[in-house]
Protein backbone atom coordinates (compact mmCIF):
# COMPACT_ATOMS: atom_id res chain seq x y z
CA MET A 1 0.00 0.00 0.00
CA ARG A 2 1.34 3.38 -0.93
CA ILE A 3 1.47 5.99 1.79
CA ILE A 4 0.80 9.41 0.39
CA HIS A 5 2.22 12.27 2.40
CA ARG A 6 0.36 15.52 2.06
CA VAL A 7 2.64 18.45 1.51
CA GLU A 8 1.23 21.64 2.97
CA PRO A 9 1.98 24.77 0.97
CA ASP A 10 4.52 27.11 2.49
CA ARG A 11 2.94 29.82 4.58
CA PRO A 12 4.57 33.10 5.40
CA PRO A 13 5.49 33.44 9.05
CA ALA A 14 3.02 35.34 11.20
CA PRO A 15 4.09 38.95 11.61
CA ARG A 16 5.66 39.71 14.95
CA SER A 17 3.90 42.09 17.28
CA ARG A 18 5.65 45.38 17.90
CA ARG A 19 5.29 44.46 21.58
CA ASP A 20 7.76 41.64 21.05
CA PRO A 21 11.41 42.72 21.48
CA ASP A 22 12.34 40.02 18.94
CA HIS A 23 10.43 42.07 16.36
CA ALA A 24 13.66 44.05 15.92
CA HIS A 25 15.76 40.85 15.55
CA GLY A 26 18.59 42.43 17.56
CA ASN A 27 18.65 45.53 15.35
CA GLY A 28 16.99 48.85 15.87
CA LEU A 29 15.88 50.22 19.22
CA VAL A 30 14.40 47.90 21.86
CA ALA A 31 13.11 49.00 25.26
CA THR A 32 11.93 46.67 28.01
CA GLY A 33 10.38 47.48 31.37
CA LEU A 34 10.60 51.25 30.93
CA ARG A 35 9.52 53.44 33.80
CA HIS A 36 9.89 57.18 34.33
CA ALA A 37 8.26 59.29 37.02
CA TYR A 38 8.03 62.96 37.88
CA GLY A 39 8.04 62.88 41.66
CA PRO A 40 5.16 60.66 42.80
CA LEU A 41 3.54 60.63 39.35
CA THR A 42 4.47 57.79 37.01
CA ALA A 43 4.48 59.32 33.55
CA LEU A 44 5.65 56.22 31.65
CA HIS A 45 5.35 52.52 32.41
CA LEU A 46 5.82 50.27 29.36
CA ASP A 47 6.58 46.56 29.23
CA THR A 48 8.20 46.60 25.77
CA PHE A 49 8.66 48.94 22.84
CA ALA A 50 10.59 47.71 19.79
CA ILE A 51 11.50 49.63 16.65
CA ALA A 52 13.12 47.78 13.74
CA PRO A 53 14.83 49.28 10.69
CA GLY A 54 12.25 50.62 8.26
CA ASP A 55 9.38 50.80 10.75
CA ARG A 56 6.82 53.59 10.36
CA HIS A 57 5.42 53.68 13.87
CA ALA A 58 3.11 56.36 15.29
CA VAL A 59 2.54 56.95 19.01
CA ILE A 60 -0.71 58.72 19.80
CA GLY A 61 -2.76 59.51 22.87
CA PRO A 62 -4.38 62.42 24.71
CA ASN A 63 -2.33 65.18 26.25
CA GLY A 64 -0.44 63.91 29.28
CA SER A 65 -0.38 60.28 28.13
CA GLY A 66 3.43 59.93 28.16
CA LYS A 67 4.25 60.37 24.48
CA SER A 68 6.98 63.02 24.80
CA THR A 69 8.32 61.29 27.89
CA LEU A 70 8.72 58.12 25.81
CA LEU A 71 10.67 59.99 23.12
CA GLY A 72 12.82 61.67 25.78
CA VAL A 73 13.73 58.30 27.31
CA LEU A 74 14.44 56.72 23.89
CA ALA A 75 16.61 59.67 22.86
CA GLY A 76 18.51 59.78 26.16
CA ALA A 77 17.32 63.23 27.24
CA LEU A 78 15.52 61.57 30.17
CA ARG A 79 17.03 58.77 32.23
CA ALA A 80 14.81 55.73 32.58
CA GLN A 81 14.32 54.98 36.29
CA ALA A 82 13.71 51.33 35.51
CA GLY A 83 14.14 49.06 32.52
CA GLN A 84 16.74 48.95 29.78
CA LEU A 85 17.31 49.94 26.17
CA THR A 86 19.38 48.27 23.51
CA TYR A 87 20.35 49.74 20.15
CA ASN A 88 21.51 47.33 17.46
CA GLY A 89 22.10 44.78 20.20
CA GLN A 90 24.19 47.10 22.41
CA LEU A 91 23.00 48.10 25.86
CA VAL A 92 22.63 51.90 25.81
CA THR A 93 20.52 52.57 28.90
CA ARG A 94 23.21 54.67 30.57
CA HIS A 95 24.28 56.57 27.45
CA GLY A 96 22.99 60.13 27.17
CA ALA A 97 21.41 62.06 24.32
CA GLU A 98 24.67 63.19 22.69
CA TRP A 99 26.06 59.64 22.50
CA ARG A 100 22.80 58.29 21.10
CA ALA A 101 22.56 61.05 18.51
CA ARG A 102 26.05 60.25 17.25
CA ALA A 103 25.15 56.57 17.21
CA GLY A 104 22.21 57.28 14.91
CA ILE A 105 19.19 58.12 17.10
CA GLY A 106 17.94 61.52 15.94
CA ARG A 107 15.13 63.57 17.43
CA THR A 108 13.05 66.65 16.73
CA PHE A 109 11.17 68.54 19.44
CA GLN A 110 7.73 70.02 20.06
CA HIS A 111 9.38 73.45 20.11
CA PRO A 112 11.93 73.66 17.27
CA LEU A 113 15.52 73.89 18.44
CA VAL A 114 17.51 75.96 15.97
CA TRP A 115 20.39 78.40 16.29
CA PRO A 116 18.66 81.78 15.78
CA ASP A 117 21.79 83.74 14.86
CA LEU A 118 22.94 81.25 12.21
CA THR A 119 21.68 81.12 8.66
CA CYS A 120 19.50 78.17 7.74
CA LEU A 121 22.36 76.76 5.67
CA ASP A 122 24.78 76.96 8.60
CA CYS A 123 22.24 75.33 10.93
CA VAL A 124 22.12 72.32 8.62
CA ARG A 125 25.93 72.29 8.34
CA VAL A 126 26.22 72.17 12.12
CA GLY A 127 23.62 69.38 12.27
CA GLY A 128 25.73 67.21 9.97
CA TRP A 129 29.05 68.14 11.55
CA GLN A 130 27.87 67.30 15.08
CA HIS A 131 27.39 63.66 14.13
CA ARG A 132 30.63 63.35 12.16
CA ARG A 133 29.14 61.51 9.22
CA ASN A 134 29.86 61.91 5.54
CA PRO A 135 26.61 63.41 4.24
CA ASP A 136 24.72 61.82 1.37
CA ARG A 137 23.28 65.25 0.55
CA THR A 138 24.78 68.73 0.67
CA PRO A 139 23.30 71.13 3.23
CA LEU A 140 21.56 73.00 0.42
CA GLU A 141 20.04 69.76 -0.85
CA VAL A 142 18.70 69.02 2.63
CA LEU A 143 17.13 72.48 2.77
CA ARG A 144 15.63 71.91 -0.67
CA LEU A 145 14.18 68.61 0.59
CA VAL A 146 12.19 70.41 3.30
CA GLY A 147 11.26 73.36 1.11
CA LEU A 148 13.66 75.92 2.58
CA ALA A 149 16.23 76.36 -0.18
CA ASP A 150 15.05 79.93 -0.79
CA TYR A 151 15.77 80.75 2.86
CA ALA A 152 19.30 79.28 2.89
CA HIS A 153 21.06 82.56 3.68
CA GLN A 154 18.45 83.99 6.03
CA PRO A 155 18.93 83.76 9.81
CA ALA A 156 16.85 81.09 11.50
CA SER A 157 15.32 83.77 13.72
CA ALA A 158 13.61 85.30 10.68
CA LEU A 159 11.61 82.15 9.89
CA SER A 160 7.96 81.56 10.72
CA HIS A 161 7.11 78.89 13.28
CA GLY A 162 6.24 76.40 10.55
CA HIS A 163 9.50 77.04 8.72
CA ARG A 164 11.50 76.74 11.93
CA ARG A 165 9.87 73.37 12.47
CA MET A 166 10.95 72.26 9.01
CA LEU A 167 14.45 73.60 9.68
CA ASP A 168 14.59 71.56 12.88
CA LEU A 169 13.75 68.49 10.80
CA ALA A 170 16.42 69.40 8.24
CA VAL A 171 19.07 69.76 10.95
CA THR A 172 18.15 66.31 12.31
CA LEU A 173 18.15 64.70 8.85
CA ALA A 174 21.59 66.18 8.16
CA GLY A 175 22.92 63.85 10.84
CA GLN A 176 21.58 60.85 8.85
CA PRO A 177 19.87 59.10 11.77
CA ARG A 178 18.97 55.44 11.50
CA VAL A 179 16.16 55.93 14.04
CA LEU A 180 14.24 59.20 13.71
CA LEU A 181 12.09 60.32 16.65
CA LEU A 182 9.60 63.05 15.68
CA ASP A 183 7.73 64.97 18.37
CA GLU A 184 4.59 66.49 16.82
CA PRO A 185 6.20 67.71 13.58
CA ALA A 186 2.83 68.93 12.24
CA ALA A 187 2.10 71.14 15.27
CA GLY A 188 1.67 74.72 14.14
CA LEU A 189 1.30 73.75 10.48
CA THR A 190 -2.05 74.55 8.89
CA ASP A 191 -4.08 72.50 6.47
CA THR A 192 -4.34 75.53 4.19
CA ASP A 193 -0.56 75.88 4.13
CA THR A 194 1.75 73.90 1.90
CA ASP A 195 3.84 73.00 4.98
CA THR A 196 1.72 69.97 5.91
CA SER A 197 1.93 68.59 2.38
CA ARG A 198 5.67 69.27 2.34
CA LEU A 199 6.06 67.47 5.68
CA LEU A 200 4.28 64.39 4.33
CA ASP A 201 6.38 64.48 1.16
CA VAL A 202 9.53 64.53 3.28
CA LEU A 203 8.37 61.73 5.58
CA GLN A 204 7.19 59.51 2.74
CA GLY A 205 10.47 60.06 0.92
CA LEU A 206 12.69 58.91 3.81
CA PRO A 207 14.94 55.95 2.99
CA SER A 208 13.56 52.48 3.68
CA TRP A 209 16.38 51.66 6.15
CA MET A 210 15.41 54.53 8.44
CA ALA A 211 13.04 53.70 11.30
CA VAL A 212 10.62 56.48 12.26
CA VAL A 213 8.70 56.96 15.51
CA LEU A 214 6.08 59.67 15.01
CA VAL A 215 4.34 61.31 17.97
CA GLU A 216 1.49 63.28 16.47
CA HIS A 217 -2.02 64.66 17.10
CA HIS A 218 -2.68 65.40 13.42
CA MET A 219 -4.50 62.20 12.47
CA GLY A 220 -4.29 63.01 8.77
CA VAL A 221 -0.50 62.85 9.00
CA VAL A 222 -0.67 59.65 11.06
CA ALA A 223 -3.09 58.02 8.59
CA ALA A 224 -0.93 58.95 5.59
CA PHE A 225 2.36 57.80 7.08
CA ALA A 226 2.20 55.17 9.83
CA ASP A 227 1.72 51.45 9.33
CA TRP A 228 1.59 50.68 13.07
CA ILE A 229 0.13 52.70 15.94
CA THR A 230 0.69 52.53 19.68
CA VAL A 231 -1.87 54.34 21.84
CA LEU A 232 -0.71 55.56 25.25
CA HIS A 233 -2.94 56.54 28.16
CA GLN A 234 -1.69 57.65 31.56
CA GLY A 235 1.78 56.43 30.68
CA ARG A 236 0.73 52.91 29.77
CA ARG A 237 -0.08 51.13 26.54
CA HIS A 238 -3.80 51.37 25.88
CA THR A 239 -3.61 49.40 22.64
CA ASP A 240 -1.48 48.96 19.57
CA GLY A 241 -1.69 47.30 16.20
CA PRO A 242 -1.89 47.92 12.47
CA ALA A 243 -2.78 51.52 11.72
CA ASP A 244 -6.16 50.84 10.10
CA THR A 245 -7.27 48.63 12.99
CA VAL A 246 -6.28 51.09 15.70
CA ARG A 247 -7.84 54.10 13.94
CA ALA A 248 -11.14 52.21 13.69
CA ASP A 249 -11.14 51.26 17.40
CA PRO A 250 -14.00 53.08 19.20
CA GLY A 251 -12.01 52.93 22.44
CA VAL A 252 -9.28 55.02 20.86
CA ALA A 253 -11.81 57.59 19.71
CA ALA A 254 -13.22 57.68 23.26
CA LEU A 255 -9.81 58.66 24.63
CA TYR A 256 -9.60 61.62 22.26
CA LEU A 257 -13.15 62.67 23.08
CA GLY A 258 -12.32 62.73 26.79
CA THR A 259 -14.39 59.74 27.87
CA GLY A 260 -11.45 57.51 28.56
CA GLY A 261 -10.53 58.83 31.99
CA SER A 262 -8.31 61.58 33.33
CA ASP A 263 -4.86 62.24 31.89
CA ALA A 264 -1.57 62.40 33.68
CA ALA A 265 -0.33 65.90 34.42
CA HIS A 266 2.94 65.54 32.52
CA PRO A 267 3.68 64.89 28.81
C-alpha cells in the first residue's frame, strides 16, 4: 500500500507584534520594562517597545499620556528609572542624548531647536558636523528637501514657526539618523498651508532603512504615514496594532473625546 504524504503549501510566518522585542531581531531600538516618574507621578510605564529598521510607527494619545516622555527616554534626554534599552544589540541605557545622537538616534522637538543667529544653511551644516558623518546630501540639498532652499542665507530667527519646524527636521536629517524620533512635527502647520503637504512628502520620501517613531495629534499625518500605531494613556499602553485597525477602534476615539478617563499631568 502506498502511503501518500500531504505536503502543505509554504505559509509566510506570522508577523511579529511590535510588543515583542524580537520584532527588531537584535537591530533597531528595543526597550523593556521602561519606567519614568516625575516625583510621585508615574508618567511612563511600558513593558516593551521595539522599533526595527524601516518601521513607520506612530505613538498617539491624549495630552499627558506619556508620548513626549517616551521619546525623551528613547533619545537619552531623560534617564529611565527602571528598565533597559538596547540599540543594534548594544545596551545603551546609561548613554545620554549626545552619544545616542552620534550613534544614529535623531530627534526633533515640540518646540523647534535651531540656532537663531545662524543662517539656515549653517544650521544644517552644524547638524551634519555634530554627528561626524559623511553626508549623502549637501546642506543646500537638505534644505531643498524640506522646502527651505530659498531661505538658505536667512537667519533662523527670521523664519515663521512652521518654517523653523521644518528647519529643525532638516538639521536632524543632516545627521543621517537610523532611528528618527519626531515629536509632533505637524504642530503649528495649517491645512491651508503647503507646509503639511511638504512634511508628508519629506516623511514619505525617507529611505527604507530609516526607522521612524512619530508622535502626532494630526491624524491626517498619522493616517498617511504610519503602518503601526501605539496608543498611550496615563503612561501605559492602551492598545497597539496595524494603523487601520487602531484608527477604527472606538475605544481610541473615546480617549480623544475625553471619555477615557483623566490624563496624567505631565507629557
